[in-house]
Protein backbone atom coordinates (compact mmCIF):
# COMPACT_ATOMS: atom_id res chain seq x y z
CA MET A 1 0.00 -0.03 0.07
CA LEU A 2 1.23 3.46 -0.91
CA TRP A 3 0.66 5.98 1.79
CA SER A 4 2.09 9.63 2.67
CA CYS A 5 1.64 11.30 6.21
CA ILE A 6 3.43 13.64 8.32
CA PHE A 7 3.88 13.19 11.88
CA ASP A 8 4.42 15.83 14.91
CA GLY A 9 6.57 14.36 17.64
CA ILE A 10 7.08 10.80 18.83
CA ASP A 11 3.45 10.08 20.51
CA ASN A 12 2.08 10.04 16.98
CA LEU A 13 3.54 6.89 16.25
CA ALA A 14 1.20 5.28 18.86
CA ASP A 15 -0.75 3.66 16.30
CA PHE A 16 2.24 1.75 14.88
CA THR A 17 2.69 -2.00 15.60
CA VAL A 18 5.34 -2.39 18.42
CA MET A 19 7.90 -4.93 16.75
CA TYR A 20 11.47 -5.81 16.99
CA GLU A 21 13.08 -8.30 14.89
CA GLU A 22 16.69 -7.09 14.56
CA ARG A 23 18.24 -3.69 14.94
CA PHE A 24 20.58 -3.09 12.10
CA TYR A 25 23.49 -0.63 13.23
CA ARG A 26 27.07 -1.05 13.43
CA GLY A 27 28.41 -2.53 16.60
CA LEU A 28 24.64 -2.76 18.10
CA ILE A 29 23.53 -5.75 16.19
CA LYS A 30 22.47 -8.71 18.55
CA ASP A 31 21.99 -11.78 16.51
CA ASN A 32 23.51 -15.08 16.00
CA ASP A 33 22.25 -16.12 12.48
CA LEU A 34 24.70 -14.01 10.28
CA VAL A 35 28.66 -13.77 10.51
CA SER A 36 29.57 -10.28 10.66
CA PHE A 37 33.17 -8.70 9.33
CA THR A 38 34.27 -5.41 8.07
CA VAL A 39 36.22 -4.33 4.77
CA THR A 40 38.20 -1.09 4.77
CA VAL A 41 39.79 0.15 1.53
CA LYS A 42 40.93 3.61 1.67
CA GLU A 43 37.87 5.83 2.36
CA THR A 44 35.47 2.67 1.84
CA ASP A 45 34.43 1.18 5.10
CA LEU A 46 32.08 -1.59 4.82
CA TYR A 47 30.18 -3.48 7.63
CA ILE A 48 29.13 -6.83 6.37
CA LYS A 49 26.77 -9.69 7.40
CA ALA A 50 26.50 -12.99 5.75
CA THR A 51 26.03 -16.68 6.26
CA LYS A 52 29.70 -17.03 6.26
CA ASP A 53 33.01 -14.88 6.26
CA LEU A 54 33.46 -13.68 2.83
CA HIS A 55 36.14 -10.94 3.49
CA ASP A 56 38.60 -11.92 0.72
CA VAL A 57 35.72 -11.85 -1.60
CA ALA A 58 34.55 -8.50 -0.40
CA ILE A 59 37.85 -7.01 -0.36
CA SER A 60 38.55 -8.01 -3.68
CA VAL A 61 35.51 -6.76 -5.38
CA VAL A 62 36.10 -3.43 -3.48
CA LYS A 63 39.48 -2.78 -4.76
CA GLU A 64 38.37 -3.77 -8.11
CA LYS A 65 35.51 -1.30 -8.24
CA ARG A 66 37.44 1.38 -6.62
CA ALA A 67 40.28 0.77 -9.19
CA ARG A 68 37.94 1.28 -12.20
CA LEU A 69 36.31 4.39 -10.56
CA GLU A 70 39.54 6.00 -9.82
CA GLU A 71 40.72 5.35 -13.27
CA TYR A 72 37.74 7.04 -14.78
CA ILE A 73 38.05 10.02 -12.40
CA GLN A 74 41.76 10.47 -13.53
CA ARG A 75 40.48 10.75 -17.18
CA HIS A 76 37.27 12.84 -16.20
CA PRO A 77 37.83 14.94 -13.11
CA LEU A 78 34.42 16.64 -13.32
CA PHE A 79 32.92 13.48 -12.35
CA LEU A 80 34.38 13.84 -8.95
CA HIS A 81 33.21 17.45 -8.35
CA SER A 82 30.10 17.63 -10.11
CA LEU A 83 26.81 18.60 -8.33
CA LYS A 84 24.87 17.94 -11.58
CA PRO A 85 24.07 14.89 -13.55
CA LEU A 86 26.64 13.79 -15.88
CA ALA A 87 26.31 11.30 -18.87
CA VAL A 88 29.15 8.54 -19.45
CA GLU A 89 29.80 6.22 -22.21
CA GLU A 90 28.23 2.86 -22.37
CA ASP A 91 31.39 0.94 -22.46
CA GLU A 92 32.75 2.35 -19.18
CA ALA A 93 32.91 0.53 -15.95
CA ASP A 94 29.77 -0.74 -14.23
CA ILE A 95 30.21 1.17 -11.23
CA VAL A 96 30.87 4.48 -13.35
CA ARG A 97 27.55 3.64 -15.25
CA MET A 98 25.53 2.89 -12.16
CA MET A 99 26.73 6.06 -10.06
CA ALA A 100 25.91 8.31 -13.44
CA ALA A 101 22.62 6.69 -14.09
CA ALA A 102 21.61 7.00 -10.59
CA GLY A 103 22.44 10.72 -10.79
CA GLN A 104 20.76 11.49 -13.70
CA THR A 105 17.52 9.72 -12.49
CA ALA A 106 17.80 11.71 -9.07
CA GLY A 107 19.04 15.05 -10.58
CA VAL A 108 22.31 15.25 -8.81
CA GLY A 109 26.08 14.71 -9.16
CA PRO A 110 27.24 11.12 -9.80
CA MET A 111 29.24 10.97 -6.41
CA ALA A 112 26.13 11.10 -4.53
CA ALA A 113 25.38 7.59 -5.58
CA VAL A 114 28.97 6.22 -4.60
CA ALA A 115 28.40 4.83 -1.28
CA GLY A 116 25.13 2.95 -2.32
CA ALA A 117 26.92 1.94 -5.82
CA ILE A 118 29.66 0.06 -3.91
CA ALA A 119 27.57 -1.55 -1.37
CA GLU A 120 25.28 -2.65 -4.34
CA LEU A 121 28.22 -4.09 -6.20
CA VAL A 122 29.91 -5.80 -3.54
CA GLY A 123 26.51 -7.23 -2.29
CA LYS A 124 25.56 -8.62 -5.71
CA GLU A 125 28.87 -10.40 -5.89
CA LEU A 126 28.60 -12.05 -2.38
CA LEU A 127 25.35 -13.22 -2.98
CA LYS A 128 26.91 -16.03 -5.39
CA TYR A 129 28.30 -17.57 -1.98
CA SER A 130 25.70 -16.55 0.58
CA PRO A 131 21.68 -16.42 0.15
CA GLU A 132 21.51 -13.63 2.83
CA VAL A 133 23.84 -10.27 2.93
CA ILE A 134 23.58 -7.11 4.44
CA ILE A 135 26.36 -4.26 3.57
CA GLU A 136 26.19 -1.24 5.56
CA ASN A 137 28.39 1.76 3.85
CA GLY A 138 28.44 4.88 5.80
CA GLY A 139 24.81 4.68 6.49
CA ASP A 140 23.91 3.51 2.95
CA ILE A 141 22.67 -0.17 3.22
CA PHE A 142 22.31 -2.97 0.27
CA LEU A 143 20.60 -5.94 1.46
CA LYS A 144 19.03 -9.36 0.40
CA ILE A 145 17.27 -11.07 3.32
CA ASP A 146 15.39 -14.55 3.89
CA LYS A 147 13.57 -13.28 7.10
CA LYS A 148 11.94 -10.02 8.24
CA ARG A 149 14.17 -7.72 9.80
CA ALA A 150 14.23 -4.13 11.08
CA ILE A 151 16.76 -1.36 10.34
CA GLY A 152 16.74 1.36 13.08
CA ILE A 153 17.02 5.21 11.99
CA PHE A 154 19.82 7.40 13.56
CA ALA A 155 18.74 10.94 12.81
CA GLY A 156 21.29 12.91 14.98
CA GLN A 157 19.78 15.15 17.76
CA SER A 158 16.18 14.75 16.87
CA VAL A 159 13.89 13.02 19.36
CA LEU A 160 12.95 10.48 16.73
CA SER A 161 16.56 9.34 16.59
CA GLY A 162 16.94 5.58 17.44
CA ARG A 163 13.13 5.32 18.41
CA ILE A 164 11.78 4.20 15.00
CA ALA A 165 12.75 1.45 12.56
CA LEU A 166 11.69 0.26 9.12
CA GLU A 167 10.63 -3.39 8.70
CA ILE A 168 12.15 -4.65 5.73
CA LYS A 169 10.59 -8.26 4.42
CA PRO A 170 12.35 -10.80 2.21
CA GLY A 171 10.11 -9.92 -0.66
CA MET A 172 11.32 -6.23 -0.84
CA THR A 173 14.65 -7.37 -1.36
CA PRO A 174 17.53 -7.14 -2.85
CA ALA A 175 17.20 -3.65 -2.09
CA GLY A 176 18.99 -0.38 -0.99
CA ILE A 177 18.37 1.65 2.28
CA CYS A 178 19.89 4.63 2.01
CA THR A 179 20.25 7.78 4.28
CA SER A 180 21.32 11.54 3.68
CA SER A 181 21.60 13.82 6.57
CA GLY A 182 22.37 17.73 6.62
CA THR A 183 23.49 17.55 10.24
CA VAL A 184 25.04 14.38 10.65
CA GLY A 185 28.26 12.86 9.06
CA PRO A 186 30.89 14.45 6.41
CA SER A 187 28.99 14.00 3.22
CA LEU A 188 28.08 17.35 1.25
CA SER A 189 24.45 18.20 1.77
CA LEU A 190 22.70 21.57 0.96
CA GLY A 191 19.78 20.57 3.29
CA LEU A 192 19.25 20.42 6.98
CA ALA A 193 17.21 17.25 7.34
CA ASP A 194 18.22 15.10 10.53
CA ALA A 195 17.56 12.07 8.00
CA VAL A 196 16.16 11.17 4.80
CA VAL A 197 15.84 7.64 4.18
CA VAL A 198 15.14 6.23 0.62
CA TYR A 199 13.93 2.65 -0.03
CA SER A 200 14.49 1.38 -3.56
CA ARG A 201 15.56 -1.76 -5.44
CA SER A 202 18.60 -0.04 -6.47
CA ALA A 203 21.18 1.01 -3.74
CA ALA A 204 22.83 3.49 -5.95
CA LEU A 205 19.67 5.00 -7.00
CA ALA A 206 18.58 5.15 -3.02
CA ASP A 207 21.78 6.93 -2.35
CA ALA A 208 21.54 9.52 -5.06
CA ALA A 209 17.72 10.07 -4.17
CA ALA A 210 18.42 10.68 -0.34
CA THR A 211 20.89 13.10 -1.30
CA ALA A 212 18.30 15.02 -3.62
CA VAL A 213 15.46 15.06 -1.21
CA CYS A 214 17.56 16.00 1.66
CA ASN A 215 19.09 18.85 -0.45
CA MET A 216 15.51 20.50 -0.46
CA VAL A 217 14.83 20.25 3.23
CA LYS A 218 15.93 23.43 4.93
CA SER A 219 13.28 23.31 7.90
CA GLU A 220 10.46 21.36 8.97
CA ASP A 221 7.78 23.17 6.70
CA ASP A 222 9.83 21.67 3.86
CA ILE A 223 9.02 18.25 4.65
CA SER A 224 5.74 18.15 2.37
CA ASN A 225 7.29 19.43 -0.77
CA ALA A 226 10.33 17.30 -0.32
CA LEU A 227 7.95 13.91 -0.13
CA GLU A 228 6.36 15.35 -3.30
CA LEU A 229 9.89 15.36 -5.18
CA GLY A 230 11.02 12.02 -3.87
CA ARG A 231 7.81 10.17 -4.79
CA LYS A 232 8.40 11.55 -8.38
CA ILE A 233 12.03 10.08 -8.73
CA GLU A 234 11.64 6.70 -10.78
CA GLY A 235 12.79 3.88 -8.86
CA VAL A 236 11.88 5.44 -5.32
CA ARG A 237 9.41 2.84 -3.48
CA GLY A 238 9.67 4.51 0.02
CA LEU A 239 10.63 7.53 1.86
CA LEU A 240 10.90 8.72 5.21
CA ILE A 241 12.18 12.42 6.26
CA ILE A 242 13.09 13.38 9.84
CA THR A 243 13.68 17.08 10.77
CA GLY A 244 13.46 17.80 14.68
CA GLU A 245 10.40 16.77 15.86
CA LYS A 246 8.58 16.39 12.82
CA MET A 247 8.43 13.28 10.27
CA GLY A 248 7.13 12.78 6.95
CA ALA A 249 6.83 9.32 5.27
CA TRP A 250 5.49 7.92 2.05
CA GLY A 251 5.56 4.67 -0.15
CA ASN A 252 5.68 1.07 0.44
CA ILE A 253 7.17 0.97 3.85
CA LYS A 254 6.10 0.13 7.67
CA LEU A 255 7.28 1.96 10.35
CA LEU A 256 8.12 0.39 13.66
CA ARG A 257 8.64 1.81 17.29
CA LEU A 258 11.53 0.81 19.10
């Protein structure tokens, strides 16, 4: 079911079903069914959960994708800095094409999709060895799951931070759940939202779309217009915006109270 609504404060979540399957947050996950490991290559820092330790496979994929991206940026420096969509040739590396396509769809520069793209490409490779994969890359998540799980939402100093989650069912995956914030973290944002969370079948697109929507939110009054922008981005299936004490949501998502 597609739905759209705006809530003032945490008390308005009282009607949501209170369920807790699993909180996905680095260092706070309490489960025994998946193996956790990390992969770090330069700026890329992945937290991965799979049915077995696939560290060597994951680090090989990260190095290969980063190398292809770095090579392209050396030839096309604008790719690194542009805040507007860029077109690339069809024979470029998959990560370059994925990032460019996501940026074009969301109306932002290609680097807005880098974290989601890396998580997605690594995740798809790991799925050859594990039926379940969850990859977190700086707040951007790619996941393919076999049972219902919940992803907790961190929204900086907002009163809603850590108090709500998205319920993700197996049929919704593989998917990307990506977050952009104008108040948390080092990533460039032109907005001031505490958290913009996007659900899409593509993690690269979810990453780019979260950036586009977050750029629009300067205050709580912008939530409605930002939701309207997000729902028009092709491929976005769910959207959550948190700013201060106010939250807006749209799409095929279910919120849980933690």
